[in-house]
């Protein structure tokens, strides 16, 4: 191979349309789209770049590898000791899902605040019954001059405090959405201590401060050794009994038994979950039967926009790598193992 040319291996293989776009993006890069693991092992020997699922066996035979692009944002299932110790740069797909997942979070919040999760069930029963009781309904004679039980049962989102655990790409977007709803926003993060508009950013050791004042607690942290089961019985006990809990981060962060108990015992008001310790959630799990839970099957990151963004990250990093420029989404490998 010409000394000025760069070799990139892709495995598993991608479709011809995406492959053509990558090849057009960097003329000095020879891209080998490997159909089998055997072909990938043969081709990666002298490759400087790799996109796909890197395995210990592939890394073991790679002699010139400088850059690996993960196809996912999460890395807990990607990294392994030899990869962490290797000098190569690892990049991931963070940033693809921020607005999409923030939409899902506010779907949960609005459902709980407006009791839509209850009204949908009542609709199936053809039952007319406002939360707060029909007797509290405002009359035309009196008008809405006093706060009623129906009012209290439909809290004003703009009066709430939103607590975000993890101010990465997704958590930051959730915080910004909260500000647009006139919510007070606080956060916990191990690396950053501020974000425009956010009133307070605490360290993870100060998590109880966030839990104590938040009306909505959202887990937007990645799964790392430090975050595994960081939310359990003690944390739910520290929350307001009127608070909503939402997890769109990773299921391993939350003790699901403790969460179920907190919902059943009234320690917290409701939970919106898209991720679980065990997926799929077993059909006999008690969470399925709780009216104060909204359960979605790990779909918060899905949108017609994601695939084009995914390709753009690879294309952009390929152009940067070929030009010797800093890469986008560089990961700290050691944090994930």
C-alpha atoms as a PDB file:
ATOM      1  CA  UNK A   1       0.000   0.000   0.000  1.00  0.00           C
ATOM      2  CA  UNK A   2       1.148   3.557  -0.788  1.00  0.00           C
ATOM      3  CA  UNK A   3       2.765   5.070   2.312  1.00  0.00           C
ATOM      4  CA  UNK A   4       0.496   8.116   2.001  1.00  0.00           C
ATOM      5  CA  UNK A   5      -2.662   6.033   2.026  1.00  0.00           C
ATOM      6  CA  UNK A   6      -4.640   4.933   5.080  1.00  0.00           C
ATOM      7  CA  UNK A   7      -6.429   1.633   5.489  1.00  0.00           C
ATOM      8  CA  UNK A   8      -9.722   1.336   7.329  1.00  0.00           C
ATOM      9  CA  UNK A   9     -11.485  -1.945   8.110  1.00  0.00           C
ATOM     10  CA  UNK A  10     -15.226  -2.176   8.666  1.00  0.00           C
ATOM     11  CA  UNK A  11     -16.840  -5.189  10.352  1.00  0.00           C
ATOM     12  CA  UNK A  12     -19.656  -6.141  10.483  1.00  0.00           C
ATOM     13  CA  UNK A  13     -20.085  -4.880   6.906  1.00  0.00           C
ATOM     14  CA  UNK A  14     -22.258  -1.891   6.078  1.00  0.00           C
ATOM     15  CA  UNK A  15     -24.562  -1.422   3.105  1.00  0.00           C
ATOM     16  CA  UNK A  16     -23.268  -0.193  -0.250  1.00  0.00           C
ATOM     17  CA  UNK A  17     -24.917   3.227  -0.004  1.00  0.00           C
ATOM     18  CA  UNK A  18     -23.200   4.130   3.254  1.00  0.00           C
ATOM     19  CA  UNK A  19     -19.949   2.571   2.066  1.00  0.00           C
ATOM     20  CA  UNK A  20     -19.977   4.738  -1.055  1.00  0.00           C
ATOM     21  CA  UNK A  21     -20.485   7.886   1.020  1.00  0.00           C
ATOM     22  CA  UNK A  22     -17.547   7.041   3.280  1.00  0.00           C
ATOM     23  CA  UNK A  23     -15.285   6.283   0.332  1.00  0.00           C
ATOM     24  CA  UNK A  24     -16.223   9.576  -1.295  1.00  0.00           C
ATOM     25  CA  UNK A  25     -15.482  11.499   1.907  1.00  0.00           C
ATOM     26  CA  UNK A  26     -11.789  10.639   2.128  1.00  0.00           C
ATOM     27  CA  UNK A  27     -10.021   9.860  -1.120  1.00  0.00           C
ATOM     28  CA  UNK A  28      -6.768   8.857   0.581  1.00  0.00           C
ATOM     29  CA  UNK A  29      -8.431   6.129   2.661  1.00  0.00           C
ATOM     30  CA  UNK A  30      -8.792   2.555   1.438  1.00  0.00           C
ATOM     31  CA  UNK A  31     -11.881   1.079   3.088  1.00  0.00           C
ATOM     32  CA  UNK A  32     -12.251  -2.691   3.323  1.00  0.00           C
ATOM     33  CA  UNK A  33     -15.827  -3.747   4.099  1.00  0.00           C
ATOM     34  CA  UNK A  34     -15.351  -7.193   5.653  1.00  0.00           C
ATOM     35  CA  UNK A  35     -18.145  -9.718   5.318  1.00  0.00           C
ATOM     36  CA  UNK A  36     -16.673 -12.248   7.762  1.00  0.00           C
ATOM     37  CA  UNK A  37     -14.668 -12.173  10.966  1.00  0.00           C
ATOM     38  CA  UNK A  38     -11.959 -14.180   9.188  1.00  0.00           C
ATOM     39  CA  UNK A  39     -11.627 -11.494   6.519  1.00  0.00           C
ATOM     40  CA  UNK A  40     -11.596  -8.788   9.184  1.00  0.00           C
ATOM     41  CA  UNK A  41      -8.795 -10.585  11.056  1.00  0.00           C
ATOM     42  CA  UNK A  42      -6.743 -10.777   7.880  1.00  0.00           C
ATOM     43  CA  UNK A  43      -7.307  -7.172   6.822  1.00  0.00           C
ATOM     44  CA  UNK A  44      -6.917  -5.483  10.208  1.00  0.00           C
ATOM     45  CA  UNK A  45      -3.255  -6.517  10.471  1.00  0.00           C
ATOM     46  CA  UNK A  46      -2.052  -3.382   8.656  1.00  0.00           C
ATOM     47  CA  UNK A  47      -5.120  -1.170   9.152  1.00  0.00           C
ATOM     48  CA  UNK A  48      -4.869   2.134  11.011  1.00  0.00           C
ATOM     49  CA  UNK A  49      -8.618   2.614  11.456  1.00  0.00           C
ATOM     50  CA  UNK A  50     -11.536   0.364  12.339  1.00  0.00           C
ATOM     51  CA  UNK A  51     -15.311   0.844  12.438  1.00  0.00           C
ATOM     52  CA  UNK A  52     -17.604  -1.775  13.941  1.00  0.00           C
ATOM     53  CA  UNK A  53     -17.356  -4.341  16.708  1.00  0.00           C
ATOM     54  CA  UNK A  54     -13.759  -4.703  17.783  1.00  0.00           C
ATOM     55  CA  UNK A  55     -13.032  -7.987  19.567  1.00  0.00           C
ATOM     56  CA  UNK A  56      -9.992  -9.118  21.569  1.00  0.00           C
ATOM     57  CA  UNK A  57      -9.119 -11.484  18.713  1.00  0.00           C
ATOM     58  CA  UNK A  58      -9.136  -8.667  16.151  1.00  0.00           C
ATOM     59  CA  UNK A  59      -7.128  -6.325  18.351  1.00  0.00           C
ATOM     60  CA  UNK A  60      -4.603  -9.080  19.011  1.00  0.00           C
ATOM     61  CA  UNK A  61      -3.603  -9.261  15.335  1.00  0.00           C
ATOM     62  CA  UNK A  62      -3.815  -5.532  14.591  1.00  0.00           C
ATOM     63  CA  UNK A  63      -0.325  -4.069  14.276  1.00  0.00           C
ATOM     64  CA  UNK A  64      -0.927  -0.434  13.263  1.00  0.00           C
ATOM     65  CA  UNK A  65      -4.327   0.447  14.723  1.00  0.00           C
ATOM     66  CA  UNK A  66      -4.616   4.100  15.791  1.00  0.00           C
ATOM     67  CA  UNK A  67      -8.356   4.791  15.795  1.00  0.00           C
ATOM     68  CA  UNK A  68     -11.486   2.730  16.487  1.00  0.00           C
ATOM     69  CA  UNK A  69     -14.986   4.093  15.927  1.00  0.00           C
ATOM     70  CA  UNK A  70     -17.627   2.353  18.037  1.00  0.00           C
ATOM     71  CA  UNK A  71     -21.062   2.056  16.371  1.00  0.00           C
ATOM     72  CA  UNK A  72     -22.776   2.784  19.711  1.00  0.00           C
ATOM     73  CA  UNK A  73     -22.857   5.561  22.275  1.00  0.00           C
ATOM     74  CA  UNK A  74     -22.715   3.196  25.243  1.00  0.00           C
ATOM     75  CA  UNK A  75     -19.417   1.404  25.766  1.00  0.00           C
ATOM     76  CA  UNK A  76     -19.996  -0.902  28.734  1.00  0.00           C
ATOM     77  CA  UNK A  77     -20.483  -3.797  26.310  1.00  0.00           C
ATOM     78  CA  UNK A  78     -17.680  -2.681  24.006  1.00  0.00           C
ATOM     79  CA  UNK A  79     -14.505  -2.167  26.025  1.00  0.00           C
ATOM     80  CA  UNK A  80     -12.211  -4.910  27.352  1.00  0.00           C
ATOM     81  CA  UNK A  81      -8.865  -4.778  29.191  1.00  0.00           C
ATOM     82  CA  UNK A  82      -6.633  -5.004  26.125  1.00  0.00           C
ATOM     83  CA  UNK A  83      -8.576  -2.195  24.424  1.00  0.00           C
ATOM     84  CA  UNK A  84      -8.248   0.034  27.476  1.00  0.00           C
ATOM     85  CA  UNK A  85      -4.503  -0.554  27.660  1.00  0.00           C
ATOM     86  CA  UNK A  86      -3.933  -0.053  23.924  1.00  0.00           C
ATOM     87  CA  UNK A  87      -2.644   3.303  22.696  1.00  0.00           C
ATOM     88  CA  UNK A  88      -5.435   3.615  20.107  1.00  0.00           C
ATOM     89  CA  UNK A  89      -8.072   6.359  20.288  1.00  0.00           C
ATOM     90  CA  UNK A  90     -11.639   5.164  20.807  1.00  0.00           C
ATOM     91  CA  UNK A  91     -14.569   7.307  19.669  1.00  0.00           C
ATOM     92  CA  UNK A  92     -18.246   6.645  20.231  1.00  0.00           C
ATOM     93  CA  UNK A  93     -21.654   7.801  19.017  1.00  0.00           C
ATOM     94  CA  UNK A  94     -22.687  10.149  21.805  1.00  0.00           C
ATOM     95  CA  UNK A  95     -24.797  13.094  20.730  1.00  0.00           C
ATOM     96  CA  UNK A  96     -27.041  11.251  18.275  1.00  0.00           C
ATOM     97  CA  UNK A  97     -30.031  10.904  20.550  1.00  0.00           C
ATOM     98  CA  UNK A  98     -30.132  14.006  22.755  1.00  0.00           C
ATOM     99  CA  UNK A  99     -33.227  15.740  21.396  1.00  0.00           C
ATOM    100  CA  UNK A 100     -35.082  12.491  20.725  1.00  0.00           C
ATOM    101  CA  UNK A 101     -34.584  11.164  24.255  1.00  0.00           C
ATOM    102  CA  UNK A 102     -35.364  14.562  25.775  1.00  0.00           C
ATOM    103  CA  UNK A 103     -38.700  14.408  23.927  1.00  0.00           C
ATOM    104  CA  UNK A 104     -39.393  11.045  25.547  1.00  0.00           C
ATOM    105  CA  UNK A 105     -38.539  12.384  29.002  1.00  0.00           C
ATOM    106  CA  UNK A 106     -40.977  15.247  28.647  1.00  0.00           C
ATOM    107  CA  UNK A 107     -43.568  12.842  27.309  1.00  0.00           C
ATOM    108  CA  UNK A 108     -43.407  11.068  30.671  1.00  0.00           C
ATOM    109  CA  UNK A 109     -43.431  14.333  32.634  1.00  0.00           C
ATOM    110  CA  UNK A 110     -46.444  15.741  30.817  1.00  0.00           C
ATOM    111  CA  UNK A 111     -48.306  12.447  31.083  1.00  0.00           C
ATOM    112  CA  UNK A 112     -47.820  12.368  34.843  1.00  0.00           C
ATOM    113  CA  UNK A 113     -48.535  16.069  35.424  1.00  0.00           C
ATOM    114  CA  UNK A 114     -51.704  15.955  33.326  1.00  0.00           C
ATOM    115  CA  UNK A 115     -52.658  12.423  34.439  1.00  0.00           C
ATOM    116  CA  UNK A 116     -52.776  11.183  30.850  1.00  0.00           C
ATOM    117  CA  UNK A 117     -51.543   7.748  31.976  1.00  0.00           C
ATOM    118  CA  UNK A 118     -54.706   7.489  34.074  1.00  0.00           C
ATOM    119  CA  UNK A 119     -57.091   8.982  31.539  1.00  0.00           C
ATOM    120  CA  UNK A 120     -55.951   6.605  28.785  1.00  0.00           C
ATOM    121  CA  UNK A 121     -56.854   3.668  31.029  1.00  0.00           C
ATOM    122  CA  UNK A 122     -60.203   5.257  31.904  1.00  0.00           C
ATOM    123  CA  UNK A 123     -60.917   5.828  28.217  1.00  0.00           C
ATOM    124  CA  UNK A 124     -60.659   2.099  27.613  1.00  0.00           C
ATOM    125  CA  UNK A 125     -63.309   1.660  30.321  1.00  0.00           C
ATOM    126  CA  UNK A 126     -65.437   4.557  28.965  1.00  0.00           C
ATOM    127  CA  UNK A 127     -65.217   6.125  32.422  1.00  0.00           C
ATOM    128  CA  UNK A 128     -65.595   9.893  32.971  1.00  0.00           C
ATOM    129  CA  UNK A 129     -63.786  10.753  36.201  1.00  0.00           C
ATOM    130  CA  UNK A 130     -61.373  13.646  36.714  1.00  0.00           C
ATOM    131  CA  UNK A 131     -58.446  12.976  39.021  1.00  0.00           C
ATOM    132  CA  UNK A 132     -59.332  14.994  42.097  1.00  0.00           C
ATOM    133  CA  UNK A 133     -63.003  14.054  41.975  1.00  0.00           C
ATOM    134  CA  UNK A 134     -66.036  15.275  40.029  1.00  0.00           C
ATOM    135  CA  UNK A 135     -67.349  17.188  43.047  1.00  0.00           C
ATOM    136  CA  UNK A 136     -64.342  19.526  42.823  1.00  0.00           C
ATOM    137  CA  UNK A 137     -65.252  20.676  39.300  1.00  0.00           C
ATOM    138  CA  UNK A 138     -65.569  24.433  38.819  1.00  0.00           C
ATOM    139  CA  UNK A 139     -69.123  25.644  38.181  1.00  0.00           C
ATOM    140  CA  UNK A 140     -70.088  28.279  35.644  1.00  0.00           C
ATOM    141  CA  UNK A 141     -71.575  30.338  38.461  1.00  0.00           C
ATOM    142  CA  UNK A 142     -68.433  30.499  40.599  1.00  0.00           C
ATOM    143  CA  UNK A 143     -65.654  30.165  38.039  1.00  0.00           C
ATOM    144  CA  UNK A 144     -62.059  29.113  38.793  1.00  0.00           C
ATOM    145  CA  UNK A 145     -61.581  31.482  41.692  1.00  0.00           C
ATOM    146  CA  UNK A 146     -60.145  28.993  44.176  1.00  0.00           C
ATOM    147  CA  UNK A 147     -57.706  26.098  43.943  1.00  0.00           C
ATOM    148  CA  UNK A 148     -59.615  22.813  43.818  1.00  0.00           C
ATOM    149  CA  UNK A 149     -58.642  19.187  44.312  1.00  0.00           C
ATOM    150  CA  UNK A 150     -58.688  18.776  40.541  1.00  0.00           C
ATOM    151  CA  UNK A 151     -56.236  21.665  40.231  1.00  0.00           C
ATOM    152  CA  UNK A 152     -53.959  20.107  42.833  1.00  0.00           C
ATOM    153  CA  UNK A 153     -54.088  16.769  41.025  1.00  0.00           C
ATOM    154  CA  UNK A 154     -52.799  18.436  37.825  1.00  0.00           C
ATOM    155  CA  UNK A 155     -49.602  20.210  38.978  1.00  0.00           C
ATOM    156  CA  UNK A 156     -48.123  23.063  36.977  1.00  0.00           C
ATOM    157  CA  UNK A 157     -44.954  21.896  35.240  1.00  0.00           C
ATOM    158  CA  UNK A 158     -43.415  25.367  35.375  1.00  0.00           C
ATOM    159  CA  UNK A 159     -43.560  25.271  39.183  1.00  0.00           C
ATOM    160  CA  UNK A 160     -41.528  22.063  39.373  1.00  0.00           C
ATOM    161  CA  UNK A 161     -37.841  21.483  40.033  1.00  0.00           C
ATOM    162  CA  UNK A 162     -36.173  19.136  37.562  1.00  0.00           C
ATOM    163  CA  UNK A 163     -33.186  17.154  38.825  1.00  0.00           C
ATOM    164  CA  UNK A 164     -30.933  15.668  36.135  1.00  0.00           C
ATOM    165  CA  UNK A 165     -28.426  12.964  37.026  1.00  0.00           C
ATOM    166  CA  UNK A 166     -25.702  13.192  34.377  1.00  0.00           C
ATOM    167  CA  UNK A 167     -25.059  16.330  32.294  1.00  0.00           C
ATOM    168  CA  UNK A 168     -23.699  14.687  29.179  1.00  0.00           C
ATOM    169  CA  UNK A 169     -25.197  15.322  25.753  1.00  0.00           C
ATOM    170  CA  UNK A 170     -28.571  13.845  26.694  1.00  0.00           C
ATOM    171  CA  UNK A 171     -28.759  15.217  30.221  1.00  0.00           C
ATOM    172  CA  UNK A 172     -27.844  18.703  29.026  1.00  0.00           C
ATOM    173  CA  UNK A 173     -30.610  18.639  26.442  1.00  0.00           C
ATOM    174  CA  UNK A 174     -33.104  17.466  29.074  1.00  0.00           C
ATOM    175  CA  UNK A 175     -31.989  20.371  31.280  1.00  0.00           C
ATOM    176  CA  UNK A 176     -32.493  22.826  28.421  1.00  0.00           C
ATOM    177  CA  UNK A 177     -35.973  21.452  27.769  1.00  0.00           C
ATOM    178  CA  UNK A 178     -36.754  21.890  31.448  1.00  0.00           C
ATOM    179  CA  UNK A 179     -35.685  25.525  31.279  1.00  0.00           C
ATOM    180  CA  UNK A 180     -37.939  26.049  28.258  1.00  0.00           C
ATOM    181  CA  UNK A 181     -40.841  24.790  30.396  1.00  0.00           C
ATOM    182  CA  UNK A 182     -39.864  27.379  33.064  1.00  0.00           C
ATOM    183  CA  UNK A 183     -38.763  24.645  35.467  1.00  0.00           C
ATOM    184  CA  UNK A 184     -36.037  25.199  38.028  1.00  0.00           C
ATOM    185  CA  UNK A 185     -33.221  22.839  37.014  1.00  0.00           C
ATOM    186  CA  UNK A 186     -30.516  21.279  39.181  1.00  0.00           C
ATOM    187  CA  UNK A 187     -28.078  18.509  38.325  1.00  0.00           C
ATOM    188  CA  UNK A 188     -25.424  16.061  39.443  1.00  0.00           C
ATOM    189  CA  UNK A 189     -22.358  15.338  37.334  1.00  0.00           C
ATOM    190  CA  UNK A 190     -18.823  14.061  38.057  1.00  0.00           C
ATOM    191  CA  UNK A 191     -17.083  16.232  35.452  1.00  0.00           C
ATOM    192  CA  UNK A 192     -18.863  19.537  34.980  1.00  0.00           C
ATOM    193  CA  UNK A 193     -19.937  22.079  37.571  1.00  0.00           C
ATOM    194  CA  UNK A 194     -22.206  24.365  35.561  1.00  0.00           C
ATOM    195  CA  UNK A 195     -24.556  24.662  32.601  1.00  0.00           C
ATOM    196  CA  UNK A 196     -26.246  27.846  31.437  1.00  0.00           C
ATOM    197  CA  UNK A 197     -29.521  28.297  33.285  1.00  0.00           C
ATOM    198  CA  UNK A 198     -29.007  25.390  35.681  1.00  0.00           C
ATOM    199  CA  UNK A 199     -29.223  26.629  39.259  1.00  0.00           C
ATOM    200  CA  UNK A 200     -26.846  24.163  40.864  1.00  0.00           C
ATOM    201  CA  UNK A 201     -24.610  21.310  39.719  1.00  0.00           C
ATOM    202  CA  UNK A 202     -23.455  19.012  42.523  1.00  0.00           C
ATOM    203  CA  UNK A 203     -20.959  16.169  42.575  1.00  0.00           C
ATOM    204  CA  UNK A 204     -22.269  12.575  42.730  1.00  0.00           C
ATOM    205  CA  UNK A 205     -21.399  12.518  46.445  1.00  0.00           C
ATOM    206  CA  UNK A 206     -24.033  15.236  46.907  1.00  0.00           C
ATOM    207  CA  UNK A 207     -26.812  13.355  45.114  1.00  0.00           C
ATOM    208  CA  UNK A 208     -29.113  13.514  48.160  1.00  0.00           C
ATOM    209  CA  UNK A 209     -29.281  17.303  47.791  1.00  0.00           C
ATOM    210  CA  UNK A 210     -30.787  16.887  44.334  1.00  0.00           C
ATOM    211  CA  UNK A 211     -33.163  14.137  45.443  1.00  0.00           C
ATOM    212  CA  UNK A 212     -34.500  16.184  48.348  1.00  0.00           C
ATOM    213  CA  UNK A 213     -35.626  19.185  46.290  1.00  0.00           C
ATOM    214  CA  UNK A 214     -36.559  17.686  42.904  1.00  0.00           C
ATOM    215  CA  UNK A 215     -40.121  17.159  41.756  1.00  0.00           C
ATOM    216  CA  UNK A 216     -38.813  15.191  38.778  1.00  0.00           C
ATOM    217  CA  UNK A 217     -35.624  13.098  38.934  1.00  0.00           C
ATOM    218  CA  UNK A 218     -34.197  11.970  35.596  1.00  0.00           C
ATOM    219  CA  UNK A 219     -31.356   9.466  35.261  1.00  0.00           C
ATOM    220  CA  UNK A 220     -29.346  10.378  32.159  1.00  0.00           C
ATOM    221  CA  UNK A 221     -26.020   8.885  33.230  1.00  0.00           C
ATOM    222  CA  UNK A 222     -24.096   6.107  31.451  1.00  0.00           C
ATOM    223  CA  UNK A 223     -23.548   2.664  32.942  1.00  0.00           C
ATOM    224  CA  UNK A 224     -20.081   2.640  34.490  1.00  0.00           C
ATOM    225  CA  UNK A 225     -18.708   0.906  37.591  1.00  0.00           C
ATOM    226  CA  UNK A 226     -19.386   4.139  39.503  1.00  0.00           C
ATOM    227  CA  UNK A 227     -23.038   4.422  38.427  1.00  0.00           C
ATOM    228  CA  UNK A 228     -24.080   0.763  38.720  1.00  0.00           C
ATOM    229  CA  UNK A 229     -27.012   0.571  41.168  1.00  0.00           C
ATOM    230  CA  UNK A 230     -26.386   4.112  42.343  1.00  0.00           C
ATOM    231  CA  UNK A 231     -30.167   4.506  42.778  1.00  0.00           C
ATOM    232  CA  UNK A 232     -31.709   2.192  45.370  1.00  0.00           C
ATOM    233  CA  UNK A 233     -33.923   2.164  48.443  1.00  0.00           C
ATOM    234  CA  UNK A 234     -32.015   4.920  50.256  1.00  0.00           C
ATOM    235  CA  UNK A 235     -32.251   7.239  47.281  1.00  0.00           C
ATOM    236  CA  UNK A 236     -36.003   6.692  46.827  1.00  0.00           C
ATOM    237  CA  UNK A 237     -36.497   7.338  50.537  1.00  0.00           C
ATOM    238  CA  UNK A 238     -34.682  10.662  50.085  1.00  0.00           C
ATOM    239  CA  UNK A 239     -37.083  11.812  47.360  1.00  0.00           C
ATOM    240  CA  UNK A 240     -40.346  13.700  47.762  1.00  0.00           C
ATOM    241  CA  UNK A 241     -43.417  11.477  47.970  1.00  0.00           C
ATOM    242  CA  UNK A 242     -44.897  13.592  45.150  1.00  0.00           C
ATOM    243  CA  UNK A 243     -41.865  13.207  42.872  1.00  0.00           C
ATOM    244  CA  UNK A 244     -41.681  11.497  39.487  1.00  0.00           C
ATOM    245  CA  UNK A 245     -38.695   9.269  38.717  1.00  0.00           C
ATOM    246  CA  UNK A 246     -37.546   8.739  35.125  1.00  0.00           C
ATOM    247  CA  UNK A 247     -34.786   6.474  33.821  1.00  0.00           C
ATOM    248  CA  UNK A 248     -33.635   6.792  30.220  1.00  0.00           C
ATOM    249  CA  UNK A 249     -29.977   6.164  31.110  1.00  0.00           C
ATOM    250  CA  UNK A 250     -29.195   2.526  31.753  1.00  0.00           C
ATOM    251  CA  UNK A 251     -31.185  -0.119  33.602  1.00  0.00           C
ATOM    252  CA  UNK A 252     -28.186  -1.230  35.676  1.00  0.00           C
ATOM    253  CA  UNK A 253     -28.108   2.154  37.408  1.00  0.00           C
ATOM    254  CA  UNK A 254     -31.397   1.542  39.237  1.00  0.00           C
ATOM    255  CA  UNK A 255     -32.304  -1.231  41.663  1.00  0.00           C
ATOM    256  CA  UNK A 256     -35.600  -2.244  40.089  1.00  0.00           C
ATOM    257  CA  UNK A 257     -36.873  -4.051  43.186  1.00  0.00           C
ATOM    258  CA  UNK A 258     -36.286  -0.939  45.275  1.00  0.00           C
ATOM    259  CA  UNK A 259     -38.053   1.188  42.671  1.00  0.00           C
ATOM    260  CA  UNK A 260     -41.032  -1.177  42.586  1.00  0.00           C
ATOM    261  CA  UNK A 261     -41.269  -1.053  46.372  1.00  0.00           C
ATOM    262  CA  UNK A 262     -41.070   2.744  46.365  1.00  0.00           C
ATOM    263  CA  UNK A 263     -43.942   2.973  43.881  1.00  0.00           C
ATOM    264  CA  UNK A 264     -46.085   0.456  45.728  1.00  0.00           C
ATOM    265  CA  UNK A 265     -45.433   2.046  49.137  1.00  0.00           C
ATOM    266  CA  UNK A 266     -46.050   5.619  47.983  1.00  0.00           C
ATOM    267  CA  UNK A 267     -42.483   6.773  48.629  1.00  0.00           C
ATOM    268  CA  UNK A 268     -42.587   8.377  45.184  1.00  0.00           C
ATOM    269  CA  UNK A 269     -45.583   9.289  43.025  1.00  0.00           C
ATOM    270  CA  UNK A 270     -44.742   7.770  39.653  1.00  0.00           C
ATOM    271  CA  UNK A 271     -42.021   6.405  37.394  1.00  0.00           C
ATOM    272  CA  UNK A 272     -41.368   6.515  33.663  1.00  0.00           C
ATOM    273  CA  UNK A 273     -38.958   3.811  32.550  1.00  0.00           C
ATOM    274  CA  UNK A 274     -37.401   3.001  29.199  1.00  0.00           C
ATOM    275  CA  UNK A 275     -34.510   0.871  30.512  1.00  0.00           C
ATOM    276  CA  UNK A 276     -34.458  -1.955  33.056  1.00  0.00           C
ATOM    277  CA  UNK A 277     -32.012  -4.170  34.931  1.00  0.00           C
ATOM    278  CA  UNK A 278     -33.381  -7.105  32.938  1.00  0.00           C
ATOM    279  CA  UNK A 279     -34.535  -6.644  29.356  1.00  0.00           C
ATOM    280  CA  UNK A 280     -37.088  -7.570  28.218  1.00  0.00           C
ATOM    281  CA  UNK A 281     -38.837  -6.889  31.509  1.00  0.00           C
ATOM    282  CA  UNK A 282     -40.295 -10.265  32.570  1.00  0.00           C
ATOM    283  CA  UNK A 283     -44.015 -10.560  31.926  1.00  0.00           C
ATOM    284  CA  UNK A 284     -44.672 -11.450  35.563  1.00  0.00           C
ATOM    285  CA  UNK A 285     -42.824  -8.430  36.976  1.00  0.00           C
ATOM    286  CA  UNK A 286     -45.071  -6.420  39.341  1.00  0.00           C
ATOM    287  CA  UNK A 287     -44.200  -3.151  37.562  1.00  0.00           C
ATOM    288  CA  UNK A 288     -46.526  -4.126  34.712  1.00  0.00           C
ATOM    289  CA  UNK A 289     -49.506  -3.929  37.068  1.00  0.00           C
ATOM    290  CA  UNK A 290     -48.777  -0.504  38.590  1.00  0.00           C
ATOM    291  CA  UNK A 291     -50.942   2.364  37.386  1.00  0.00           C
ATOM    292  CA  UNK A 292     -48.332   4.906  38.504  1.00  0.00           C
ATOM    293  CA  UNK A 293     -45.713   3.562  36.099  1.00  0.00           C
ATOM    294  CA  UNK A 294     -45.268   4.159  32.385  1.00  0.00           C
ATOM    295  CA  UNK A 295     -43.142   1.407  30.845  1.00  0.00           C
ATOM    296  CA  UNK A 296     -41.684   1.685  27.354  1.00  0.00           C
ATOM    297  CA  UNK A 297     -39.555  -1.047  25.716  1.00  0.00           C
ATOM    298  CA  UNK A 298     -36.151   0.704  25.351  1.00  0.00           C
ATOM    299  CA  UNK A 299     -37.285   2.890  22.450  1.00  0.00           C
ATOM    300  CA  UNK A 300     -36.354   6.400  23.624  1.00  0.00           C
ATOM    301  CA  UNK A 301     -33.457   6.648  21.167  1.00  0.00           C
ATOM    302  CA  UNK A 302     -35.404   5.690  18.045  1.00  0.00           C
ATOM    303  CA  UNK A 303     -36.174   8.264  15.355  1.00  0.00           C
ATOM    304  CA  UNK A 304     -35.902   8.500  11.551  1.00  0.00           C
ATOM    305  CA  UNK A 305     -33.135  11.070  12.143  1.00  0.00           C
ATOM    306  CA  UNK A 306     -30.707   8.768  13.948  1.00  0.00           C
ATOM    307  CA  UNK A 307     -29.313   6.791  10.998  1.00  0.00           C
ATOM    308  CA  UNK A 308     -28.242   9.919   9.102  1.00  0.00           C
ATOM    309  CA  UNK A 309     -26.550  11.295  12.220  1.00  0.00           C
ATOM    310  CA  UNK A 310     -24.817   7.951  12.778  1.00  0.00           C
ATOM    311  CA  UNK A 311     -23.309   8.032   9.308  1.00  0.00           C
ATOM    312  CA  UNK A 312     -22.295  11.670   9.733  1.00  0.00           C
ATOM    313  CA  UNK A 313     -20.245  10.887  12.854  1.00  0.00           C
ATOM    314  CA  UNK A 314     -18.315   8.166  11.012  1.00  0.00           C
ATOM    315  CA  UNK A 315     -17.873  10.320   7.921  1.00  0.00           C
ATOM    316  CA  UNK A 316     -16.760  13.354   9.909  1.00  0.00           C
ATOM    317  CA  UNK A 317     -14.273  11.371  11.981  1.00  0.00           C
ATOM    318  CA  UNK A 318     -12.940   9.640   8.890  1.00  0.00           C
ATOM    319  CA  UNK A 319     -12.249  13.020   7.274  1.00  0.00           C
ATOM    320  CA  UNK A 320     -10.626  14.276  10.487  1.00  0.00           C
ATOM    321  CA  UNK A 321      -8.471  11.161  10.862  1.00  0.00           C
ATOM    322  CA  UNK A 322      -7.323  11.271   7.239  1.00  0.00           C
ATOM    323  CA  UNK A 323      -6.310  14.922   7.683  1.00  0.00           C
ATOM    324  CA  UNK A 324      -4.617  14.345  11.027  1.00  0.00           C
ATOM    325  CA  UNK A 325      -7.126  16.528  12.894  1.00  0.00           C
ATOM    326  CA  UNK A 326      -8.613  15.918  16.380  1.00  0.00           C
ATOM    327  CA  UNK A 327     -11.396  13.365  16.410  1.00  0.00           C
ATOM    328  CA  UNK A 328     -14.963  13.904  17.554  1.00  0.00           C
ATOM    329  CA  UNK A 329     -16.468  12.030  20.533  1.00  0.00           C
ATOM    330  CA  UNK A 330     -13.183  10.733  21.954  1.00  0.00           C
ATOM    331  CA  UNK A 331     -14.004   8.366  24.816  1.00  0.00           C
ATOM    332  CA  UNK A 332     -12.152   7.867  28.082  1.00  0.00           C
ATOM    333  CA  UNK A 333     -11.856   4.094  27.796  1.00  0.00           C
ATOM    334  CA  UNK A 334     -11.021   3.466  31.431  1.00  0.00           C
ATOM    335  CA  UNK A 335     -14.267   4.976  32.728  1.00  0.00           C
ATOM    336  CA  UNK A 336     -16.351   2.215  31.212  1.00  0.00           C
ATOM    337  CA  UNK A 337     -14.698  -0.887  32.636  1.00  0.00           C
END
